Amino acid sequence: MQPTTYILASKPNGTLYIGVTRDLKKRIYEHKGHLIDGFTKRYNVTQLVYFETHADMYHAINREKQLKNWRRQWKVNLIEKVNPQWDDLYYCI
């Protein structure tokens, strides 16, 4: 288990969600299965398009806060830098 900051999308260039977790595979499974009430369930935001791991939860949470304050285009650029096709990375973790 490693602290991770992640970005989900509803589709390529769709609605974005930024989160943080200690167990990425489990958390994305929960999003995909709509097991968590809230934003991602309401807007069907289930595709893992970006993630980064951190040494500790403190840094992961700070990065989450930083990304949430970014302009949308900066987030899109970050995603497309490592995942230009907006592939669902859940199947790679």
N, C-alpha and C. Protein backbone atom coordinates (compact mmCIF):
# COMPACT_ATOMS: atom_id res chain seq x y z
N MET A 1 0.85 -1.18 0.00
CA MET A 1 0.00 0.00 0.00
C MET A 1 0.90 1.24 0.00
N GLN A 2 0.63 2.12 -0.93
CA GLN A 2 1.44 3.32 -1.04
C GLN A 2 0.52 4.52 -1.26
N PRO A 3 0.73 5.59 -0.52
CA PRO A 3 -0.09 6.79 -0.71
C PRO A 3 -0.04 7.26 -2.16
N THR A 4 -1.20 7.51 -2.73
CA THR A 4 -1.31 7.83 -4.15
C THR A 4 -2.31 8.95 -4.38
N THR A 5 -1.95 9.88 -5.22
CA THR A 5 -2.87 10.91 -5.71
C THR A 5 -3.29 10.48 -7.11
N TYR A 6 -4.58 10.58 -7.41
CA TYR A 6 -5.06 10.07 -8.69
C TYR A 6 -6.09 11.00 -9.31
N ILE A 7 -6.24 10.86 -10.63
CA ILE A 7 -7.26 11.61 -11.38
C ILE A 7 -8.11 10.61 -12.13
N LEU A 8 -9.43 10.74 -11.98
CA LEU A 8 -10.40 9.95 -12.73
C LEU A 8 -11.07 10.85 -13.76
N ALA A 9 -11.56 10.24 -14.83
CA ALA A 9 -12.30 10.98 -15.85
C ALA A 9 -13.54 10.18 -16.24
N SER A 10 -14.57 10.89 -16.66
CA SER A 10 -15.78 10.22 -17.14
C SER A 10 -15.58 9.67 -18.55
N LYS A 11 -14.71 10.33 -19.31
CA LYS A 11 -14.37 9.96 -20.68
C LYS A 11 -13.19 10.85 -21.07
N PRO A 12 -12.55 10.62 -22.21
CA PRO A 12 -11.48 11.52 -22.62
C PRO A 12 -11.98 12.98 -22.66
N ASN A 13 -11.26 13.83 -21.99
CA ASN A 13 -11.60 15.25 -21.89
C ASN A 13 -12.94 15.50 -21.20
N GLY A 14 -13.38 14.53 -20.40
CA GLY A 14 -14.66 14.65 -19.71
C GLY A 14 -14.52 15.25 -18.32
N THR A 15 -15.48 14.94 -17.48
CA THR A 15 -15.48 15.40 -16.09
C THR A 15 -14.32 14.76 -15.36
N LEU A 16 -13.61 15.57 -14.54
CA LEU A 16 -12.45 15.08 -13.80
C LEU A 16 -12.74 15.04 -12.31
N TYR A 17 -12.07 14.10 -11.64
CA TYR A 17 -12.14 13.99 -10.19
C TYR A 17 -10.73 13.70 -9.69
N ILE A 18 -10.32 14.38 -8.64
CA ILE A 18 -9.00 14.18 -8.05
C ILE A 18 -9.17 13.64 -6.65
N GLY A 19 -8.44 12.58 -6.35
CA GLY A 19 -8.55 11.96 -5.03
C GLY A 19 -7.20 11.49 -4.52
N VAL A 20 -7.23 10.95 -3.30
CA VAL A 20 -6.03 10.43 -2.66
C VAL A 20 -6.42 9.15 -1.92
N THR A 21 -5.50 8.18 -1.88
CA THR A 21 -5.79 6.92 -1.22
C THR A 21 -4.50 6.21 -0.81
N ARG A 22 -4.64 5.26 0.07
CA ARG A 22 -3.51 4.38 0.44
C ARG A 22 -3.52 3.10 -0.39
N ASP A 23 -4.68 2.75 -0.94
CA ASP A 23 -4.84 1.51 -1.69
C ASP A 23 -5.53 1.82 -3.01
N LEU A 24 -4.74 2.13 -4.04
CA LEU A 24 -5.28 2.61 -5.31
C LEU A 24 -6.19 1.58 -5.97
N LYS A 25 -5.77 0.34 -6.05
CA LYS A 25 -6.55 -0.68 -6.74
C LYS A 25 -7.94 -0.82 -6.08
N LYS A 26 -7.96 -0.89 -4.77
CA LYS A 26 -9.23 -1.02 -4.05
C LYS A 26 -10.11 0.21 -4.25
N ARG A 27 -9.52 1.37 -4.16
CA ARG A 27 -10.29 2.61 -4.27
C ARG A 27 -10.91 2.76 -5.67
N ILE A 28 -10.14 2.46 -6.71
CA ILE A 28 -10.68 2.58 -8.06
C ILE A 28 -11.76 1.52 -8.28
N TYR A 29 -11.58 0.33 -7.74
CA TYR A 29 -12.61 -0.70 -7.80
C TYR A 29 -13.92 -0.17 -7.20
N GLU A 30 -13.81 0.53 -6.08
CA GLU A 30 -14.99 1.11 -5.43
C GLU A 30 -15.65 2.16 -6.32
N HIS A 31 -14.85 3.00 -6.96
CA HIS A 31 -15.40 4.00 -7.88
C HIS A 31 -16.10 3.30 -9.06
N LYS A 32 -15.43 2.32 -9.65
CA LYS A 32 -15.99 1.64 -10.82
C LYS A 32 -17.30 0.92 -10.49
N GLY A 33 -17.39 0.37 -9.29
CA GLY A 33 -18.59 -0.35 -8.89
C GLY A 33 -19.66 0.54 -8.30
N HIS A 34 -19.41 1.85 -8.32
CA HIS A 34 -20.35 2.83 -7.74
C HIS A 34 -20.68 2.49 -6.29
N LEU A 35 -19.67 2.04 -5.56
CA LEU A 35 -19.84 1.67 -4.16
C LEU A 35 -19.72 2.87 -3.23
N ILE A 36 -19.33 4.01 -3.79
CA ILE A 36 -19.14 5.23 -3.01
C ILE A 36 -20.14 6.27 -3.49
N ASP A 37 -21.00 6.72 -2.59
CA ASP A 37 -21.93 7.78 -2.96
C ASP A 37 -21.17 9.09 -3.13
N GLY A 38 -21.67 9.93 -4.01
CA GLY A 38 -21.05 11.23 -4.18
C GLY A 38 -20.80 11.57 -5.64
N PHE A 39 -19.82 12.43 -5.83
CA PHE A 39 -19.52 13.02 -7.13
C PHE A 39 -19.25 11.98 -8.22
N THR A 40 -18.35 11.02 -7.94
CA THR A 40 -17.96 10.08 -8.99
C THR A 40 -19.12 9.17 -9.39
N LYS A 41 -19.95 8.81 -8.44
CA LYS A 41 -21.13 7.99 -8.75
C LYS A 41 -22.15 8.80 -9.54
N ARG A 42 -22.40 10.02 -9.09
CA ARG A 42 -23.40 10.89 -9.73
C ARG A 42 -23.04 11.19 -11.18
N TYR A 43 -21.75 11.42 -11.45
CA TYR A 43 -21.32 11.82 -12.79
C TYR A 43 -20.60 10.70 -13.56
N ASN A 44 -20.64 9.48 -13.03
CA ASN A 44 -20.04 8.31 -13.67
C ASN A 44 -18.57 8.55 -14.04
N VAL A 45 -17.82 9.03 -13.09
CA VAL A 45 -16.39 9.32 -13.28
C VAL A 45 -15.62 8.11 -12.74
N THR A 46 -15.22 7.21 -13.64
CA THR A 46 -14.66 5.93 -13.20
C THR A 46 -13.35 5.52 -13.87
N GLN A 47 -12.88 6.28 -14.85
CA GLN A 47 -11.66 5.88 -15.57
C GLN A 47 -10.43 6.51 -14.92
N LEU A 48 -9.51 5.66 -14.50
CA LEU A 48 -8.24 6.13 -13.93
C LEU A 48 -7.34 6.59 -15.06
N VAL A 49 -7.11 7.90 -15.15
CA VAL A 49 -6.31 8.43 -16.27
C VAL A 49 -4.95 8.95 -15.84
N TYR A 50 -4.74 9.10 -14.52
CA TYR A 50 -3.45 9.60 -14.04
C TYR A 50 -3.31 9.22 -12.57
N PHE A 51 -2.08 8.88 -12.17
CA PHE A 51 -1.81 8.68 -10.74
C PHE A 51 -0.33 8.88 -10.48
N GLU A 52 -0.03 9.24 -9.25
CA GLU A 52 1.36 9.36 -8.82
C GLU A 52 1.45 8.92 -7.37
N THR A 53 2.52 8.20 -7.06
CA THR A 53 2.71 7.69 -5.70
C THR A 53 3.60 8.64 -4.92
N HIS A 54 3.49 8.55 -3.60
CA HIS A 54 4.23 9.43 -2.71
C HIS A 54 4.82 8.64 -1.55
N ALA A 55 5.81 9.21 -0.93
CA ALA A 55 6.49 8.54 0.19
C ALA A 55 5.59 8.42 1.41
N ASP A 56 4.70 9.38 1.59
CA ASP A 56 3.80 9.35 2.75
C ASP A 56 2.50 10.06 2.42
N MET A 57 1.51 9.87 3.30
CA MET A 57 0.19 10.42 3.06
C MET A 57 0.20 11.95 3.11
N TYR A 58 1.05 12.52 3.90
CA TYR A 58 1.15 13.98 3.99
C TYR A 58 1.43 14.58 2.61
N HIS A 59 2.40 14.02 1.90
CA HIS A 59 2.75 14.53 0.57
C HIS A 59 1.65 14.24 -0.45
N ALA A 60 1.01 13.10 -0.33
CA ALA A 60 -0.08 12.75 -1.25
C ALA A 60 -1.25 13.74 -1.10
N ILE A 61 -1.60 14.05 0.13
CA ILE A 61 -2.70 14.99 0.39
C ILE A 61 -2.34 16.39 -0.09
N ASN A 62 -1.11 16.81 0.15
CA ASN A 62 -0.69 18.14 -0.33
C ASN A 62 -0.74 18.22 -1.85
N ARG A 63 -0.36 17.14 -2.53
CA ARG A 63 -0.41 17.12 -3.99
C ARG A 63 -1.86 17.16 -4.47
N GLU A 64 -2.73 16.43 -3.79
CA GLU A 64 -4.16 16.45 -4.14
C GLU A 64 -4.69 17.89 -4.05
N LYS A 65 -4.38 18.57 -2.97
CA LYS A 65 -4.84 19.96 -2.80
C LYS A 65 -4.28 20.86 -3.89
N GLN A 66 -3.00 20.64 -4.23
CA GLN A 66 -2.38 21.44 -5.28
C GLN A 66 -3.10 21.23 -6.62
N LEU A 67 -3.32 19.97 -6.98
CA LEU A 67 -3.97 19.67 -8.26
C LEU A 67 -5.40 20.20 -8.30
N LYS A 68 -6.10 20.14 -7.20
CA LYS A 68 -7.48 20.65 -7.17
C LYS A 68 -7.53 22.15 -7.42
N ASN A 69 -6.46 22.85 -7.10
CA ASN A 69 -6.41 24.30 -7.32
C ASN A 69 -5.92 24.68 -8.72
N TRP A 70 -5.47 23.72 -9.48
CA TRP A 70 -4.99 23.99 -10.85
C TRP A 70 -6.15 24.31 -11.77
N ARG A 71 -5.85 25.07 -12.82
CA ARG A 71 -6.81 25.29 -13.90
C ARG A 71 -7.03 23.96 -14.62
N ARG A 72 -8.20 23.82 -15.19
CA ARG A 72 -8.54 22.57 -15.89
C ARG A 72 -7.51 22.22 -16.96
N GLN A 73 -7.09 23.20 -17.76
CA GLN A 73 -6.15 22.92 -18.85
C GLN A 73 -4.83 22.38 -18.32
N TRP A 74 -4.39 22.83 -17.17
CA TRP A 74 -3.15 22.32 -16.58
C TRP A 74 -3.32 20.83 -16.23
N LYS A 75 -4.50 20.48 -15.72
CA LYS A 75 -4.78 19.07 -15.39
C LYS A 75 -4.80 18.23 -16.66
N VAL A 76 -5.46 18.72 -17.69
CA VAL A 76 -5.51 18.01 -18.98
C VAL A 76 -4.10 17.82 -19.52
N ASN A 77 -3.28 18.86 -19.46
CA ASN A 77 -1.89 18.76 -19.94
C ASN A 77 -1.11 17.71 -19.15
N LEU A 78 -1.31 17.67 -17.84
CA LEU A 78 -0.63 16.69 -16.99
C LEU A 78 -1.03 15.27 -17.40
N ILE A 79 -2.32 15.05 -17.58
CA ILE A 79 -2.81 13.73 -18.00
C ILE A 79 -2.22 13.36 -19.36
N GLU A 80 -2.32 14.26 -20.32
CA GLU A 80 -1.90 13.95 -21.69
C GLU A 80 -0.39 13.79 -21.83
N LYS A 81 0.35 14.34 -20.89
CA LYS A 81 1.81 14.19 -20.92
C LYS A 81 2.20 12.72 -20.73
N VAL A 82 1.48 12.00 -19.87
CA VAL A 82 1.81 10.60 -19.59
C VAL A 82 0.78 9.62 -20.15
N ASN A 83 -0.39 10.11 -20.51
CA ASN A 83 -1.46 9.24 -20.99
C ASN A 83 -2.23 9.95 -22.12
N PRO A 84 -1.58 10.16 -23.27
CA PRO A 84 -2.18 10.96 -24.34
C PRO A 84 -3.49 10.39 -24.90
N GLN A 85 -3.70 9.08 -24.78
CA GLN A 85 -4.91 8.46 -25.29
C GLN A 85 -6.03 8.39 -24.24
N TRP A 86 -5.75 8.88 -23.05
CA TRP A 86 -6.71 8.83 -21.94
C TRP A 86 -7.15 7.39 -21.67
N ASP A 87 -6.20 6.46 -21.74
CA ASP A 87 -6.48 5.05 -21.45
C ASP A 87 -6.85 4.89 -19.98
N ASP A 88 -7.66 3.90 -19.67
CA ASP A 88 -8.01 3.58 -18.29
C ASP A 88 -6.85 2.79 -17.70
N LEU A 89 -6.10 3.40 -16.81
CA LEU A 89 -4.89 2.80 -16.24
C LEU A 89 -5.19 1.79 -15.15
N TYR A 90 -6.44 1.63 -14.79
CA TYR A 90 -6.81 0.68 -13.74
C TYR A 90 -6.32 -0.72 -14.09
N TYR A 91 -6.36 -1.06 -15.34
CA TYR A 91 -5.98 -2.42 -15.76
C TYR A 91 -4.46 -2.59 -15.84
N CYS A 92 -3.72 -1.52 -15.55
CA CYS A 92 -2.24 -1.57 -15.56
C CYS A 92 -1.66 -1.60 -14.14
N ILE A 93 -2.50 -1.44 -13.14
CA ILE A 93 -1.96 -1.38 -11.77
C ILE A 93 -2.12 -2.72 -11.06
